[in-house]
Protein backbone atom coordinates (compact mmCIF):
# COMPACT_ATOMS: atom_id res chain seq x y z
CA MET A 1 6.67 -6.00 14.58
CA ARG A 2 5.52 -2.41 15.11
CA LYS A 3 8.77 -1.11 13.61
CA LEU A 4 8.27 -3.30 10.55
CA TYR A 5 4.74 -1.97 10.13
CA MET A 6 5.94 1.65 10.29
CA ILE A 7 8.64 1.06 7.68
CA VAL A 8 6.32 -0.72 5.25
CA ALA A 9 3.54 1.80 5.87
CA ALA A 10 5.80 4.75 5.13
CA ALA A 11 6.96 3.14 1.90
CA ALA A 12 3.38 2.48 0.86
CA ALA A 13 2.33 6.06 1.59
CA LEU A 14 5.22 7.37 -0.52
CA LEU A 15 4.34 5.07 -3.40
CA ILE A 16 0.69 6.13 -3.33
CA SER A 17 1.63 9.82 -3.21
CA GLN A 18 3.66 9.31 -6.37
CA ILE A 19 1.08 7.43 -8.44
CA GLY A 20 -2.24 8.67 -7.05
CA HIS A 21 -4.57 11.15 -8.74
CA ALA A 22 -6.39 13.64 -6.52
CA ILE A 23 -9.81 14.78 -7.74
CA PRO A 24 -9.74 18.53 -8.51
CA ALA A 25 -12.03 20.76 -6.44
CA ILE A 26 -14.88 22.01 -8.64
CA PRO A 27 -17.07 24.39 -6.59
CA GLY A 28 -20.78 24.02 -7.27
CA SER A 29 -20.47 20.58 -8.87
CA THR A 30 -22.65 17.61 -7.99
CA ASP A 31 -20.09 14.91 -8.87
CA THR A 32 -16.93 14.44 -10.93
CA ALA A 33 -15.95 11.72 -13.43
CA THR A 34 -12.81 10.69 -15.30
CA ASN A 35 -11.62 7.82 -17.47
CA ASP A 36 -7.89 8.58 -17.42
CA GLY A 37 -7.04 10.61 -14.30
CA GLN A 38 -6.07 13.57 -16.49
CA THR A 39 -9.34 15.08 -17.73
CA TYR A 40 -12.28 15.39 -15.36
CA TYR A 41 -15.94 16.04 -16.10
CA ALA A 42 -18.11 17.77 -13.50
CA LEU A 43 -21.90 17.61 -13.28
CA PHE A 44 -23.79 20.84 -12.61
CA GLY A 45 -27.50 21.52 -12.23
CA ASN A 46 -29.44 24.79 -12.36
CA ASP A 47 -32.90 26.01 -13.35
CA SER A 48 -31.99 25.66 -17.02
CA GLY A 49 -30.99 21.99 -16.81
CA TRP A 50 -28.08 19.64 -16.20
CA PHE A 51 -24.63 20.34 -17.65
CA VAL A 52 -21.32 18.46 -17.91
CA ARG A 53 -18.16 20.60 -18.03
CA GLY A 54 -14.56 19.55 -18.58
CA TYR A 55 -11.53 20.34 -16.41
CA ASP A 56 -7.91 19.31 -16.28
CA ALA A 57 -6.33 17.67 -13.24
CA ALA A 58 -5.62 21.10 -11.73
CA GLY A 59 -9.27 22.15 -11.96
CA VAL A 60 -8.78 24.49 -14.94
CA SER A 61 -11.59 24.49 -17.50
CA THR A 62 -10.87 22.71 -20.79
CA GLY A 63 -13.75 24.52 -22.49
CA PHE A 64 -15.84 21.37 -22.86
CA GLN A 65 -19.52 21.73 -22.05
CA ALA A 66 -22.57 19.66 -22.91
CA GLN A 67 -26.14 20.11 -21.71
CA LEU A 68 -27.87 16.84 -20.93
CA GLY A 69 -31.00 16.36 -22.96
CA PRO A 70 -33.72 16.23 -24.13
CA ASN A 71 -33.64 19.63 -22.38
CA GLU A 72 -37.37 19.77 -21.70
CA PHE A 73 -37.16 16.63 -19.56
CA LEU A 74 -33.82 17.16 -17.84
CA THR A 75 -33.91 19.79 -15.11
CA PRO A 76 -33.03 19.21 -11.44
CA ALA A 77 -36.71 19.44 -10.55
CA GLN A 78 -37.68 16.76 -13.06
CA GLN A 79 -34.73 14.40 -12.67
CA ASP A 80 -32.57 14.42 -9.54
CA LEU A 81 -29.06 13.39 -10.65
CA VAL A 82 -26.59 12.74 -7.83
CA GLY A 83 -23.61 11.13 -9.58
CA LEU A 84 -21.66 11.06 -12.85
CA ALA A 85 -19.52 8.31 -14.39
CA PHE A 86 -17.63 8.25 -17.72
CA ASP A 87 -16.22 5.35 -19.75
CA GLY A 88 -14.59 7.40 -22.50
CA THR A 89 -17.59 7.46 -24.83
CA THR A 90 -20.67 7.61 -22.60
CA PHE A 91 -21.64 9.64 -19.54
CA TYR A 92 -23.67 7.73 -16.95
CA ALA A 93 -25.79 9.69 -14.48
CA LEU A 94 -26.99 8.15 -11.22
CA ARG A 95 -30.60 9.27 -10.64
CA ASN A 96 -32.65 9.32 -7.44
CA ASP A 97 -36.03 8.33 -8.85
CA ALA A 98 -37.84 9.01 -5.57
CA THR A 99 -37.02 12.73 -5.76
CA SER A 100 -37.45 13.01 -9.56
CA SER A 101 -40.89 14.37 -10.45
CA LEU A 102 -40.90 12.57 -13.81
CA VAL A 103 -40.36 9.18 -12.13
CA GLY A 104 -41.47 9.11 -8.49
CA THR A 105 -40.50 5.52 -7.66
CA ASP A 106 -38.34 4.30 -4.77
CA THR A 107 -35.42 3.28 -7.00
CA TRP A 108 -31.91 4.28 -8.03
CA SER A 109 -31.36 4.34 -11.81
CA VAL A 110 -28.48 4.83 -14.24
CA VAL A 111 -29.12 6.90 -17.38
CA GLY A 112 -26.67 7.09 -20.31
CA PHE A 113 -25.76 10.14 -22.39
CA GLY A 114 -23.48 10.64 -25.40
CA LEU A 115 -20.58 13.08 -25.62
CA ASP A 116 -23.03 15.64 -27.02
CA GLY A 117 -25.07 15.34 -23.83
CA GLN A 118 -28.07 13.72 -25.48
CA TRP A 119 -29.77 10.65 -24.00
CA ASP A 120 -28.30 7.51 -25.58
CA GLY A 121 -31.73 5.96 -26.14
CA ASN A 122 -31.26 3.06 -23.75
CA GLN A 123 -33.78 2.41 -21.00
CA ALA A 124 -32.66 3.55 -17.56
CA MET A 125 -31.03 0.70 -15.64
CA THR A 126 -32.26 0.14 -12.08
CA LEU A 127 -29.72 -0.69 -9.38
CA GLY A 128 -30.50 -3.66 -7.17
CA PRO A 129 -31.33 -5.84 -5.45
CA SER A 130 -34.68 -4.38 -4.43
CA PRO A 131 -35.91 -3.64 -1.77
CA PHE A 132 -32.45 -2.91 -0.36
CA VAL A 133 -30.82 -0.62 -2.96
CA VAL A 134 -33.54 2.03 -2.87
CA PRO A 135 -33.51 5.72 -1.76
CA SER A 136 -35.61 4.99 1.31
CA GLN A 137 -32.95 2.53 2.52
CA GLN A 138 -29.62 3.69 1.04
CA THR A 139 -28.20 7.14 0.21
CA TYR A 140 -25.70 7.56 -2.63
CA VAL A 141 -23.72 10.76 -3.21
CA GLY A 142 -21.32 9.85 -6.02
CA PHE A 143 -20.85 7.51 -8.98
CA SER A 144 -17.97 6.23 -11.14
CA TYR A 145 -17.02 3.68 -13.79
CA MET A 146 -14.12 1.30 -14.47
CA ASP A 147 -13.71 -1.97 -16.35
CA GLU A 148 -14.65 -3.92 -13.24
CA GLY A 149 -18.06 -2.19 -13.14
CA PHE A 150 -19.73 0.82 -11.55
CA ARG A 151 -18.67 2.09 -8.14
CA ALA A 152 -21.09 4.19 -6.09
CA LEU A 153 -20.25 6.21 -2.98
CA ARG A 154 -22.79 5.44 -0.25
CA ASP A 155 -23.33 7.68 2.77
CA ASP A 156 -23.96 5.46 5.82
CA THR A 157 -23.95 8.31 8.34
CA LEU A 158 -27.05 7.05 10.09
CA LEU A 159 -25.91 3.41 10.05
CA ASP A 160 -22.39 3.52 11.46
CA ASP A 161 -20.85 6.90 10.58
CA SER A 162 -19.12 5.64 7.45
CA TYR A 163 -18.85 6.02 3.69
CA ARG A 164 -18.74 2.88 1.57
CA SER A 165 -17.75 2.19 -2.02
CA ILE A 166 -20.35 -0.20 -3.47
CA GLY A 167 -19.92 -2.14 -6.71
CA PHE A 168 -22.63 -2.72 -9.33
CA ASP A 169 -22.62 -4.77 -12.53
CA GLN A 170 -22.35 -2.44 -15.52
CA ASN A 171 -24.77 -4.52 -17.61
CA THR A 172 -27.50 -5.46 -15.13
CA GLY A 173 -27.18 -2.92 -12.30
CA ALA A 174 -27.10 -5.71 -9.72
CA TRP A 175 -24.80 -5.47 -6.70
CA ASP A 176 -21.60 -7.35 -7.62
CA GLY A 177 -20.66 -8.25 -4.05
CA PHE A 178 -18.13 -5.45 -3.59
CA ALA A 179 -18.42 -3.18 -0.53
CA GLN A 180 -15.59 -1.32 1.22
CA VAL A 181 -15.51 1.33 3.95
CA VAL A 182 -13.65 4.36 2.56
CA GLY A 183 -14.23 7.15 5.05
CA GLN A 184 -16.02 8.57 8.07
CA PRO A 185 -18.52 11.47 7.68
CA SER A 186 -17.86 12.88 11.15
CA ILE A 187 -14.15 13.25 10.34
CA SER A 188 -13.96 14.11 6.63
CA PRO A 189 -17.07 14.72 4.48
CA LEU A 190 -16.93 13.12 1.03
CA ASP A 191 -19.18 13.85 -1.92
CA THR A 192 -17.51 12.44 -5.03
CA ILE A 193 -15.87 9.29 -6.33
CA ALA A 194 -13.76 8.98 -9.49
CA SER A 195 -12.24 5.82 -10.92
CA PHE A 196 -10.48 4.64 -14.04
CA ASN A 197 -8.30 1.81 -15.32
CA GLN A 198 -4.56 2.44 -15.52
CA SER A 199 -4.32 -0.75 -17.57
CA PRO A 200 -6.53 -3.82 -18.06
CA GLY A 201 -7.33 -5.19 -14.62
CA VAL A 202 -5.49 -2.39 -12.80
CA SER A 203 -7.78 0.37 -11.53
CA GLU A 204 -7.49 3.46 -9.37
CA VAL A 205 -10.36 4.77 -7.25
CA THR A 206 -10.27 8.13 -5.47
CA PHE A 207 -12.72 9.73 -3.05
CA ALA A 208 -12.85 13.40 -2.04
CA ASN A 209 -14.88 16.45 -1.19
CA ALA A 210 -14.61 17.92 -4.67
CA LYS A 211 -16.47 21.12 -3.85
CA VAL A 212 -13.92 22.35 -1.31
CA PRO A 213 -10.23 22.77 -2.22
CA ALA A 214 -8.16 20.36 -0.17
CA PRO A 215 -4.76 19.63 -1.82
CA GLY A 216 -3.82 15.99 -1.52
CA ALA A 217 -7.08 14.96 0.17
CA GLY A 218 -7.66 12.15 -2.26
CA LEU A 219 -4.08 10.92 -1.88
CA LEU A 220 -4.28 11.04 1.90
CA LEU A 221 -7.42 8.92 1.94
CA GLY A 222 -5.81 6.43 -0.41
CA ALA A 223 -2.81 6.21 1.87
CA ILE A 224 -5.01 5.70 4.94
CA LEU A 225 -6.86 2.84 3.25
CA ALA A 226 -3.61 1.19 2.18
CA LEU A 227 -2.10 1.49 5.64
CA GLY A 228 -5.15 -0.10 7.21
CA ALA A 229 -4.79 -3.09 4.92
CA LEU A 230 -1.07 -3.36 5.65
CA ARG A 231 -1.64 -3.21 9.39
CA ARG A 232 -4.11 -6.07 9.20
CA LYS A 233 -1.60 -8.14 7.24
CA VAL A 234 1.20 -7.46 9.72
CA LYS A 235 -1.03 -8.40 12.66
CA ALA A 236 -2.04 -11.61 10.91
CA ALA A 237 1.60 -12.48 10.46
């Protein structure tokens, strides 16, 4: 049985290494988003405001840059953005309202912006359910989008030394029932999540420390997750 597991596990790792997409390391970024696994958009904040910049899969700038606006209301001090998602037409920023001086409530919210960086005019969507999905109870460090909904990277260091991928409905912000352990802070720090759909109903989700170059880190984590699932299946058999 152990030999069978090793053979299947090796094959799975090889397959993942061939089709996976590692998130490029973007020093100084807050989070990274993609909708195709080829072009990535990194979120940056400084005293002047929040900016989204484009990069290719190797981390080379594409020249794209957009400042999130209205500028007078979007600085790190006024709105604390911790994650970025992209669906191909709209950027979605995950905001910690508790540490945003313009808001000041114990909530997590999603704010939309167009390709020009300007607010899309829609009211910020609050993640739920309350009082559980709130900054005083849960810490999120990354955000992403795919057809199945939003995926947020939650840091559960104080709970059980783990990172979890949490799913939220893209229309209501409510938890959709999805939760999966994807890493361990004490072993490998993570700070970004990127996801996209390869085809309808087929998605790829990658987690990494995007601020520190680590070739293949995203692929390795994907392989580890797949092997864990395979091992459970083999044991069940």
